[in-house]
Amino acid sequence: MIENGIVVGVGTDASSTSDGQNMFEATRLASYLSRIDGFATEKWLSAHDALHLATEGSAKILGFEKIGQLAVGYEADIVFLRLDSPHFVPLRAPLIQMVFAETGSSVHTVMIGGRIVFHDGKLLTLDEGLLRRKAQEAALRLDAANDVALAGAMSVAKFVGMFCAAQGCEGHLVRRNLGVVCQT
């Protein structure tokens, strides 16, 4: 896609769809996934490439023009990391260390639009405890309202999984790298 001039970004989905909202992890995975196609190392996304996709690429995809980089005239959206975390010591290649080792545990301060919104492990813009309680209450209500549908889905989950895996082994117009799991 990138070779064809298509703007590519990195993003996360909701925790309820089996992943989290950890952009550090998503950025790392973007680089790792570029390696799935084989040994053409020149096509692998570097740490710099992956960070570019996660910042400027994602901003462009979302239609934002003044975020995604630290530059005059852009919003001051900055994540400040603690450099005394084990994966930054010794500090040798900060970009590589951040993309391939950071989990979010080093985040110390977050600035959005020039305003500090997170500092020293605390969100400064809302009551986290109240939000957590409301989210848990909503989850319990949703679970109760959907228990019959969940039971139905769970009863066919194994078959759906087998179907999806089998489809990955079928011939497709798009080349797949599933030879390891497919019996020929």
C-alpha atoms as a PDB file:
ATOM      1  CA  MET A   1       0.000   0.000   0.000  1.00  0.00           C
ATOM      2  CA  ILE A   2       2.745   2.420   0.963  1.00  0.00           C
ATOM      3  CA  GLU A   3       4.624   1.638  -2.266  1.00  0.00           C
ATOM      4  CA  ASN A   4       1.466   2.645  -4.162  1.00  0.00           C
ATOM      5  CA  GLY A   5       1.201   6.024  -2.424  1.00  0.00           C
ATOM      6  CA  ILE A   6      -1.685   5.032  -0.158  1.00  0.00           C
ATOM      7  CA  VAL A   7      -1.672   6.814   3.195  1.00  0.00           C
ATOM      8  CA  VAL A   8      -1.320   4.228   5.950  1.00  0.00           C
ATOM      9  CA  GLY A   9      -1.763   4.738   9.666  1.00  0.00           C
ATOM     10  CA  VAL A  10      -1.658   2.685  12.835  1.00  0.00           C
ATOM     11  CA  GLY A  11      -4.571   2.518  15.235  1.00  0.00           C
ATOM     12  CA  THR A  12      -6.254   0.468  17.906  1.00  0.00           C
ATOM     13  CA  ASP A  13      -9.764  -0.792  18.419  1.00  0.00           C
ATOM     14  CA  ALA A  14     -11.914  -1.221  21.508  1.00  0.00           C
ATOM     15  CA  SER A  15     -10.884  -3.556  24.313  1.00  0.00           C
ATOM     16  CA  SER A  16     -14.169  -5.404  23.859  1.00  0.00           C
ATOM     17  CA  THR A  17     -12.997  -6.652  20.458  1.00  0.00           C
ATOM     18  CA  SER A  18     -10.024  -8.515  21.920  1.00  0.00           C
ATOM     19  CA  ASP A  19      -7.345  -5.898  21.751  1.00  0.00           C
ATOM     20  CA  GLY A  20      -6.411  -2.886  23.802  1.00  0.00           C
ATOM     21  CA  GLN A  21      -5.738   0.726  23.060  1.00  0.00           C
ATOM     22  CA  ASN A  22      -1.975   0.543  23.443  1.00  0.00           C
ATOM     23  CA  MET A  23      -0.508   2.567  20.584  1.00  0.00           C
ATOM     24  CA  PHE A  24       3.024   1.540  21.530  1.00  0.00           C
ATOM     25  CA  GLU A  25       2.072  -2.096  21.009  1.00  0.00           C
ATOM     26  CA  ALA A  26       0.193  -1.340  17.777  1.00  0.00           C
ATOM     27  CA  THR A  27       3.209   0.563  16.412  1.00  0.00           C
ATOM     28  CA  ARG A  28       5.548  -2.303  17.263  1.00  0.00           C
ATOM     29  CA  LEU A  29       3.168  -4.827  15.668  1.00  0.00           C
ATOM     30  CA  ALA A  30       2.982  -2.732  12.496  1.00  0.00           C
ATOM     31  CA  SER A  31       6.729  -3.126  12.098  1.00  0.00           C
ATOM     32  CA  TYR A  32       6.659  -6.835  12.962  1.00  0.00           C
ATOM     33  CA  LEU A  33       3.801  -7.545  10.561  1.00  0.00           C
ATOM     34  CA  SER A  34       5.789  -6.054   7.696  1.00  0.00           C
ATOM     35  CA  ARG A  35       8.234  -8.941   8.177  1.00  0.00           C
ATOM     36  CA  ILE A  36       5.645 -11.648   7.653  1.00  0.00           C
ATOM     37  CA  ASP A  37       6.188 -11.625   3.903  1.00  0.00           C
ATOM     38  CA  GLY A  38       9.665 -13.081   4.111  1.00  0.00           C
ATOM     39  CA  PHE A  39      13.284 -12.125   4.102  1.00  0.00           C
ATOM     40  CA  ALA A  40      13.183  -8.990   1.934  1.00  0.00           C
ATOM     41  CA  THR A  41      14.529  -6.862   4.781  1.00  0.00           C
ATOM     42  CA  GLU A  42      14.467  -3.716   2.639  1.00  0.00           C
ATOM     43  CA  LYS A  43      10.653  -3.942   2.715  1.00  0.00           C
ATOM     44  CA  TRP A  44      10.425  -4.264   6.489  1.00  0.00           C
ATOM     45  CA  LEU A  45       9.135  -1.213   8.351  1.00  0.00           C
ATOM     46  CA  SER A  46      11.874   0.322  10.468  1.00  0.00           C
ATOM     47  CA  ALA A  47      11.226   1.880  13.856  1.00  0.00           C
ATOM     48  CA  HIS A  48      11.166   5.276  12.126  1.00  0.00           C
ATOM     49  CA  ASP A  49       8.693   4.047   9.481  1.00  0.00           C
ATOM     50  CA  ALA A  50       6.379   2.527  12.113  1.00  0.00           C
ATOM     51  CA  LEU A  51       6.438   5.708  14.227  1.00  0.00           C
ATOM     52  CA  HIS A  52       5.699   7.797  11.116  1.00  0.00           C
ATOM     53  CA  LEU A  53       2.648   5.631  10.352  1.00  0.00           C
ATOM     54  CA  ALA A  54       1.436   5.897  13.950  1.00  0.00           C
ATOM     55  CA  THR A  55       1.784   9.676  14.071  1.00  0.00           C
ATOM     56  CA  GLU A  56       1.644  11.517  10.743  1.00  0.00           C
ATOM     57  CA  GLY A  57       0.024   8.656   8.833  1.00  0.00           C
ATOM     58  CA  SER A  58      -2.742   8.221  11.388  1.00  0.00           C
ATOM     59  CA  ALA A  59      -3.326  11.975  11.594  1.00  0.00           C
ATOM     60  CA  LYS A  60      -3.757  12.185   7.809  1.00  0.00           C
ATOM     61  CA  ILE A  61      -6.153   9.235   7.708  1.00  0.00           C
ATOM     62  CA  LEU A  62      -8.286  10.831  10.410  1.00  0.00           C
ATOM     63  CA  GLY A  63      -8.347  14.138   8.519  1.00  0.00           C
ATOM     64  CA  PHE A  64      -6.229  16.093  10.979  1.00  0.00           C
ATOM     65  CA  GLU A  65      -3.846  18.566   9.420  1.00  0.00           C
ATOM     66  CA  LYS A  66      -2.039  20.067  12.380  1.00  0.00           C
ATOM     67  CA  ILE A  67      -1.150  17.035  14.477  1.00  0.00           C
ATOM     68  CA  GLY A  68       1.226  14.118  14.050  1.00  0.00           C
ATOM     69  CA  GLN A  69       4.524  15.952  14.296  1.00  0.00           C
ATOM     70  CA  LEU A  70       6.342  18.414  16.494  1.00  0.00           C
ATOM     71  CA  ALA A  71       6.515  21.533  14.353  1.00  0.00           C
ATOM     72  CA  VAL A  72       5.669  25.228  14.480  1.00  0.00           C
ATOM     73  CA  GLY A  73       1.944  25.737  13.906  1.00  0.00           C
ATOM     74  CA  TYR A  74       1.010  22.184  14.927  1.00  0.00           C
ATOM     75  CA  GLU A  75      -0.927  21.247  18.041  1.00  0.00           C
ATOM     76  CA  ALA A  76       1.325  20.551  21.000  1.00  0.00           C
ATOM     77  CA  ASP A  77       0.373  16.872  21.435  1.00  0.00           C
ATOM     78  CA  ILE A  78       3.305  15.257  23.210  1.00  0.00           C
ATOM     79  CA  VAL A  79       3.851  12.114  25.264  1.00  0.00           C
ATOM     80  CA  PHE A  80       6.742  12.451  27.705  1.00  0.00           C
ATOM     81  CA  LEU A  81       8.447   9.185  28.652  1.00  0.00           C
ATOM     82  CA  ARG A  82      10.595   8.359  31.650  1.00  0.00           C
ATOM     83  CA  LEU A  83      14.013   7.401  30.379  1.00  0.00           C
ATOM     84  CA  ASP A  84      14.939   5.567  33.583  1.00  0.00           C
ATOM     85  CA  SER A  85      12.701   2.611  32.663  1.00  0.00           C
ATOM     86  CA  PRO A  86      14.659  -0.638  32.190  1.00  0.00           C
ATOM     87  CA  HIS A  87      14.120  -0.749  28.418  1.00  0.00           C
ATOM     88  CA  PHE A  88      15.709   2.699  28.032  1.00  0.00           C
ATOM     89  CA  VAL A  89      18.799   1.880  30.107  1.00  0.00           C
ATOM     90  CA  PRO A  90      21.349   2.197  28.729  1.00  0.00           C
ATOM     91  CA  LEU A  91      19.945   4.802  26.348  1.00  0.00           C
ATOM     92  CA  ARG A  92      21.541   3.895  23.022  1.00  0.00           C
ATOM     93  CA  ALA A  93      18.930   4.155  20.252  1.00  0.00           C
ATOM     94  CA  PRO A  94      15.908   5.923  21.799  1.00  0.00           C
ATOM     95  CA  LEU A  95      13.611   5.581  18.785  1.00  0.00           C
ATOM     96  CA  ILE A  96      14.307   1.857  18.385  1.00  0.00           C
ATOM     97  CA  GLN A  97      14.013   1.313  22.134  1.00  0.00           C
ATOM     98  CA  MET A  98      10.665   3.144  22.215  1.00  0.00           C
ATOM     99  CA  VAL A  99       9.125   1.399  19.193  1.00  0.00           C
ATOM    100  CA  PHE A 100      10.324  -2.114  20.035  1.00  0.00           C
ATOM    101  CA  ALA A 101      10.255  -2.107  23.840  1.00  0.00           C
ATOM    102  CA  GLU A 102       7.900   0.563  25.242  1.00  0.00           C
ATOM    103  CA  THR A 103       4.635  -0.723  26.692  1.00  0.00           C
ATOM    104  CA  GLY A 104       3.208   2.526  27.996  1.00  0.00           C
ATOM    105  CA  SER A 105       4.704   1.941  31.437  1.00  0.00           C
ATOM    106  CA  SER A 106       7.176   4.798  30.923  1.00  0.00           C
ATOM    107  CA  VAL A 107       4.526   7.417  30.158  1.00  0.00           C
ATOM    108  CA  HIS A 108       4.999  10.199  32.656  1.00  0.00           C
ATOM    109  CA  THR A 109       3.136  13.178  31.190  1.00  0.00           C
ATOM    110  CA  VAL A 110       0.786  13.713  28.252  1.00  0.00           C
ATOM    111  CA  MET A 111       0.100  17.089  26.671  1.00  0.00           C
ATOM    112  CA  ILE A 112      -2.795  17.606  24.246  1.00  0.00           C
ATOM    113  CA  GLY A 113      -3.116  20.920  22.483  1.00  0.00           C
ATOM    114  CA  GLY A 114      -0.552  22.376  24.853  1.00  0.00           C
ATOM    115  CA  ARG A 115      -2.562  21.346  27.940  1.00  0.00           C
ATOM    116  CA  ILE A 116      -1.230  18.764  30.428  1.00  0.00           C
ATOM    117  CA  VAL A 117      -3.943  16.081  30.716  1.00  0.00           C
ATOM    118  CA  PHE A 118      -1.977  13.255  32.359  1.00  0.00           C
ATOM    119  CA  HIS A 119       0.838  13.566  34.853  1.00  0.00           C
ATOM    120  CA  ASP A 120       2.654  11.157  37.143  1.00  0.00           C
ATOM    121  CA  GLY A 121       0.146   8.324  36.652  1.00  0.00           C
ATOM    122  CA  LYS A 122      -2.984  10.432  37.041  1.00  0.00           C
ATOM    123  CA  LEU A 123      -5.539  11.732  34.560  1.00  0.00           C
ATOM    124  CA  LEU A 124      -6.160  15.396  35.329  1.00  0.00           C
ATOM    125  CA  THR A 125      -9.297  15.940  33.243  1.00  0.00           C
ATOM    126  CA  LEU A 126     -11.818  13.570  34.819  1.00  0.00           C
ATOM    127  CA  ASP A 127     -12.655  11.467  37.863  1.00  0.00           C
ATOM    128  CA  GLU A 128     -11.119   8.093  36.975  1.00  0.00           C
ATOM    129  CA  GLY A 129     -12.732   6.275  39.897  1.00  0.00           C
ATOM    130  CA  LEU A 130     -16.216   7.441  38.923  1.00  0.00           C
ATOM    131  CA  LEU A 131     -15.627   6.592  35.264  1.00  0.00           C
ATOM    132  CA  ARG A 132     -14.341   3.117  36.215  1.00  0.00           C
ATOM    133  CA  ARG A 133     -17.434   2.448  38.371  1.00  0.00           C
ATOM    134  CA  LYS A 134     -19.820   3.627  35.631  1.00  0.00           C
ATOM    135  CA  ALA A 135     -18.018   1.503  33.016  1.00  0.00           C
ATOM    136  CA  GLN A 136     -18.231  -1.595  35.238  1.00  0.00           C
ATOM    137  CA  GLU A 137     -21.926  -0.991  35.920  1.00  0.00           C
ATOM    138  CA  ALA A 138     -22.606  -0.564  32.194  1.00  0.00           C
ATOM    139  CA  ALA A 139     -20.683  -3.768  31.424  1.00  0.00           C
ATOM    140  CA  LEU A 140     -22.775  -5.705  33.955  1.00  0.00           C
ATOM    141  CA  ARG A 141     -26.003  -4.330  32.428  1.00  0.00           C
ATOM    142  CA  LEU A 142     -24.838  -5.215  28.912  1.00  0.00           C
ATOM    143  CA  ASP A 143     -23.752  -8.701  29.979  1.00  0.00           C
ATOM    144  CA  ALA A 144     -27.151  -9.364  31.538  1.00  0.00           C
ATOM    145  CA  ALA A 145     -29.003  -8.008  28.500  1.00  0.00           C
ATOM    146  CA  ASN A 146     -26.933 -10.139  26.111  1.00  0.00           C
ATOM    147  CA  ASP A 147     -26.491 -13.400  28.021  1.00  0.00           C
ATOM    148  CA  VAL A 148     -28.720 -15.420  25.663  1.00  0.00           C
ATOM    149  CA  ALA A 149     -26.945 -14.073  22.565  1.00  0.00           C
ATOM    150  CA  LEU A 150     -23.545 -14.790  24.142  1.00  0.00           C
ATOM    151  CA  ALA A 151     -24.547 -18.382  24.933  1.00  0.00           C
ATOM    152  CA  GLY A 152     -25.635 -18.853  21.315  1.00  0.00           C
ATOM    153  CA  ALA A 153     -22.399 -17.399  19.988  1.00  0.00           C
ATOM    154  CA  MET A 154     -20.294 -19.544  22.316  1.00  0.00           C
ATOM    155  CA  SER A 155     -22.111 -22.677  21.172  1.00  0.00           C
ATOM    156  CA  VAL A 156     -20.893 -22.153  17.589  1.00  0.00           C
ATOM    157  CA  ALA A 157     -17.543 -20.442  18.295  1.00  0.00           C
ATOM    158  CA  LYS A 158     -15.446 -23.568  17.662  1.00  0.00           C
ATOM    159  CA  PHE A 159     -17.123 -24.160  14.277  1.00  0.00           C
ATOM    160  CA  VAL A 160     -16.731 -20.537  13.213  1.00  0.00           C
ATOM    161  CA  GLY A 161     -13.050 -20.655  14.183  1.00  0.00           C
ATOM    162  CA  MET A 162     -12.511 -23.836  12.164  1.00  0.00           C
ATOM    163  CA  PHE A 163     -14.309 -22.276   9.183  1.00  0.00           C
ATOM    164  CA  CYS A 164     -12.151 -19.142   9.336  1.00  0.00           C
ATOM    165  CA  ALA A 165      -8.932 -21.179   9.556  1.00  0.00           C
ATOM    166  CA  ALA A 166     -10.030 -23.349   6.626  1.00  0.00           C
ATOM    167  CA  GLN A 167     -10.823 -20.274   4.523  1.00  0.00           C
ATOM    168  CA  GLY A 168      -7.285 -19.075   5.096  1.00  0.00           C
ATOM    169  CA  CYS A 169      -6.019 -22.285   3.484  1.00  0.00           C
ATOM    170  CA  GLU A 170      -8.170 -21.956   0.353  1.00  0.00           C
ATOM    171  CA  GLY A 171      -6.915 -20.401  -2.857  1.00  0.00           C
ATOM    172  CA  HIS A 172      -7.499 -16.641  -2.954  1.00  0.00           C
ATOM    173  CA  LEU A 173      -6.592 -13.873  -5.311  1.00  0.00           C
ATOM    174  CA  VAL A 174      -4.656 -12.294  -2.446  1.00  0.00           C
ATOM    175  CA  ARG A 175      -1.430 -14.148  -1.634  1.00  0.00           C
ATOM    176  CA  ARG A 176      -1.419 -15.474   1.919  1.00  0.00           C
ATOM    177  CA  ASN A 177       1.460 -16.708   4.052  1.00  0.00           C
ATOM    178  CA  LEU A 178      -0.353 -19.503   5.851  1.00  0.00           C
ATOM    179  CA  GLY A 179       1.594 -22.450   4.437  1.00  0.00           C
ATOM    180  CA  VAL A 180       2.782 -23.360   7.913  1.00  0.00           C
ATOM    181  CA  VAL A 181      -0.732 -24.169   9.166  1.00  0.00           C
ATOM    182  CA  CYS A 182      -2.374 -25.411   5.966  1.00  0.00           C
ATOM    183  CA  GLN A 183      -2.148 -29.043   4.901  1.00  0.00           C
ATOM    184  CA  THR A 184      -1.709 -29.390   1.132  1.00  0.00           C
END
